[in-house]
Amino acid sequence: MLLLIIPAWIFTSTEKDWDFLESLYFCFISLTTIGLGDYVPGETHSKEENPHPHLYRLAITVYLLVGLVFVLVVLETCCELPQMTRLKQRFYKERVRDLDSETTNIIDRDQMNDQLTDPSDHMTDQLPVIPSVSEQAASLRQDNNSKPYTPASGSVNGKLR
């Protein structure tokens, strides 16, 4: 409440066109992240009334950030109350049970498929292993069948005709 009433009173004194109800409306709309944009502080000020408009906007930004964090903490605290957790359990209980039965059916089907398939079938599903270049070179050295590189036919001195 303090983050609504005290800033609304401050906006009433700094914003000449706003009364207390409009200032309270701006604070509530901004802190609940509705943010319609119909009231924007600092837009009706002239240089004579507010000599530091950037500082004023910075103060409003800090107020909005602190206020948003405060509203978040209040909402999270309300959601963690024992009455709210019982209410959530009452509404979500059937959905959790349905999800558990669906998950159980899927797991049962997977287990039945695993029992029906032959384990040797899994070996054929794997891709063949391709040896790396260094493994191929090592096997060629062991075989001593490596031949020196000869250019392909149709080339003379390494150049194509």
Protein backbone atom coordinates (compact mmCIF):
# COMPACT_ATOMS: atom_id res chain seq x y z
CA MET A 1 0.00 0.00 0.00
CA LEU A 2 2.84 2.36 0.81
CA LEU A 3 4.25 1.93 -2.70
CA LEU A 4 0.94 3.16 -4.08
CA ILE A 5 -0.22 5.94 -1.73
CA ILE A 6 3.04 7.78 -0.99
CA PRO A 7 4.20 7.93 -4.65
CA ALA A 8 0.68 8.95 -5.70
CA TRP A 9 0.87 11.85 -3.24
CA ILE A 10 4.31 12.79 -4.64
CA PHE A 11 3.02 12.64 -8.23
CA THR A 12 0.08 14.84 -7.21
CA SER A 13 2.50 17.53 -6.09
CA THR A 14 4.96 17.19 -9.00
CA GLU A 15 2.51 16.66 -11.86
CA LYS A 16 0.38 19.79 -12.07
CA ASP A 17 -2.33 18.23 -14.28
CA TRP A 18 -2.88 15.15 -12.10
CA ASP A 19 -5.09 14.86 -9.07
CA PHE A 20 -4.61 12.18 -6.40
CA LEU A 21 -6.88 9.65 -8.10
CA GLU A 22 -5.01 9.96 -11.42
CA SER A 23 -1.69 9.60 -9.62
CA LEU A 24 -2.93 6.53 -7.76
CA TYR A 25 -4.21 5.14 -11.06
CA PHE A 26 -0.78 5.64 -12.68
CA CYS A 27 1.00 3.91 -9.76
CA PHE A 28 -1.36 0.92 -9.80
CA ILE A 29 -1.35 0.50 -13.59
CA SER A 30 2.44 0.77 -13.74
CA LEU A 31 3.23 -1.57 -10.83
CA THR A 32 0.82 -4.26 -11.99
CA THR A 33 2.50 -4.12 -15.45
CA ILE A 34 -0.75 -3.25 -17.19
CA GLY A 35 0.84 -0.02 -18.36
CA LEU A 36 -1.74 1.55 -20.64
CA GLY A 37 0.40 4.60 -21.31
CA ASP A 38 -2.42 7.09 -20.92
CA TYR A 39 -0.58 8.81 -18.06
CA VAL A 40 3.15 9.43 -18.47
CA PRO A 41 4.93 11.44 -15.79
CA GLY A 42 7.28 14.19 -16.86
CA GLU A 43 5.73 14.98 -20.23
CA THR A 44 3.81 18.09 -19.20
CA HIS A 45 6.74 19.74 -17.42
CA SER A 46 8.34 22.85 -18.72
CA LYS A 47 11.96 23.78 -18.00
CA GLU A 48 10.89 26.35 -15.38
CA GLU A 49 8.86 23.82 -13.36
CA ASN A 50 11.41 20.99 -13.49
CA PRO A 51 15.03 22.07 -13.99
CA HIS A 52 16.29 18.43 -13.98
CA PRO A 53 13.99 16.29 -16.17
CA HIS A 54 16.54 13.49 -16.57
CA LEU A 55 16.94 13.14 -12.82
CA TYR A 56 13.14 13.12 -12.45
CA ARG A 57 12.80 10.33 -15.02
CA LEU A 58 15.61 8.37 -13.35
CA ALA A 59 13.79 8.62 -10.00
CA ILE A 60 10.57 7.38 -11.65
CA THR A 61 12.46 4.47 -13.22
CA VAL A 62 13.98 3.50 -9.87
CA TYR A 63 10.54 3.72 -8.24
CA LEU A 64 9.01 1.48 -10.91
CA LEU A 65 11.78 -1.12 -10.66
CA VAL A 66 11.63 -1.27 -6.86
CA GLY A 67 7.84 -1.33 -6.99
CA LEU A 68 7.78 -4.19 -9.52
CA VAL A 69 10.10 -6.25 -7.33
CA PHE A 70 7.90 -5.52 -4.31
CA VAL A 71 4.72 -6.54 -6.16
CA LEU A 72 6.44 -9.74 -7.31
CA VAL A 73 7.48 -10.60 -3.76
CA VAL A 74 3.94 -9.97 -2.47
CA LEU A 75 2.39 -12.15 -5.19
CA GLU A 76 4.88 -14.97 -4.61
CA THR A 77 4.26 -14.82 -0.88
CA CYS A 78 0.50 -15.01 -1.43
CA CYS A 79 0.94 -18.03 -3.70
CA GLU A 80 2.98 -19.85 -1.05
CA LEU A 81 0.38 -19.47 1.70
CA PRO A 82 -0.94 -22.80 3.01
CA GLN A 83 -4.48 -21.91 1.92
CA MET A 84 -3.30 -21.27 -1.64
CA THR A 85 -1.31 -24.51 -1.82
CA ARG A 86 -4.38 -26.49 -0.70
CA LEU A 87 -6.44 -24.68 -3.32
CA LYS A 88 -3.85 -25.45 -6.01
CA GLN A 89 -3.76 -29.11 -4.99
CA ARG A 90 -7.55 -29.33 -5.18
CA PHE A 91 -7.62 -27.95 -8.73
CA TYR A 92 -4.57 -29.77 -10.10
CA LYS A 93 -5.05 -33.16 -8.42
CA GLU A 94 -7.09 -34.78 -11.23
CA ARG A 95 -4.81 -33.47 -13.95
CA VAL A 96 -1.74 -34.90 -12.20
CA ARG A 97 -3.49 -38.28 -11.84
CA ASP A 98 -4.41 -38.29 -15.55
CA LEU A 99 -0.88 -37.41 -16.51
CA ASP A 100 0.49 -40.16 -14.30
CA SER A 101 -1.77 -42.77 -15.90
CA GLU A 102 -0.78 -41.62 -19.39
CA THR A 103 2.88 -41.71 -18.45
CA THR A 104 2.42 -45.18 -16.94
CA ASN A 105 0.80 -46.42 -20.18
CA ILE A 106 3.68 -45.08 -22.26
CA ILE A 107 6.27 -46.71 -20.00
CA ASP A 108 4.37 -50.01 -20.10
CA ARG A 109 4.26 -49.94 -23.91
CA ASP A 110 7.99 -49.24 -24.10
CA GLN A 111 8.77 -52.12 -21.76
CA MET A 112 6.56 -54.49 -23.78
CA ASN A 113 8.29 -53.44 -27.01
CA ASP A 114 11.69 -54.05 -25.44
CA GLN A 115 10.63 -57.54 -24.34
CA LEU A 116 9.24 -58.42 -27.78
CA THR A 117 12.28 -57.32 -29.77
CA ASP A 118 15.39 -59.47 -30.03
CA PRO A 119 18.56 -57.87 -28.57
CA SER A 120 20.51 -58.84 -31.70
CA ASP A 121 18.22 -56.55 -33.70
CA HIS A 122 19.71 -53.59 -31.90
CA MET A 123 23.16 -54.42 -33.28
CA THR A 124 21.97 -54.11 -36.88
CA ASP A 125 20.46 -50.71 -36.19
CA GLN A 126 23.86 -49.20 -35.40
CA LEU A 127 25.78 -47.51 -38.18
CA PRO A 128 29.13 -49.01 -39.19
CA VAL A 129 32.13 -47.40 -37.57
CA ILE A 130 34.36 -45.56 -40.02
CA PRO A 131 38.00 -45.51 -38.92
CA SER A 132 39.74 -42.18 -38.70
CA VAL A 133 42.43 -41.14 -41.17
CA SER A 134 45.20 -41.76 -38.66
CA GLU A 135 43.86 -45.29 -37.97
CA GLN A 136 43.80 -45.98 -41.72
CA ALA A 137 47.37 -44.70 -42.14
CA ALA A 138 48.56 -46.84 -39.23
CA SER A 139 46.98 -49.95 -40.72
CA LEU A 140 48.63 -49.23 -44.09
CA ARG A 141 52.05 -48.86 -42.43
CA GLN A 142 51.56 -52.18 -40.67
CA ASP A 143 50.70 -53.89 -43.93
CA ASN A 144 53.71 -52.30 -45.70
CA ASN A 145 51.59 -52.14 -48.80
CA SER A 146 51.76 -48.41 -49.07
CA LYS A 147 52.69 -47.29 -52.55
CA PRO A 148 54.12 -43.92 -53.42
CA TYR A 149 51.73 -41.44 -54.91
CA THR A 150 51.52 -41.55 -58.67
CA PRO A 151 49.68 -38.90 -60.63
CA ALA A 152 46.47 -39.92 -62.36
CA SER A 153 46.65 -40.88 -65.99
CA GLY A 154 46.17 -38.03 -68.38
CA SER A 155 48.46 -35.65 -66.51
CA VAL A 156 52.05 -34.80 -67.32
CA ASN A 157 54.33 -33.52 -64.57
CA GLY A 158 51.28 -33.08 -62.30
CA LYS A 159 49.50 -30.82 -64.82
CA LEU A 160 46.41 -31.71 -66.75
CA ARG A 161 46.57 -31.66 -70.54
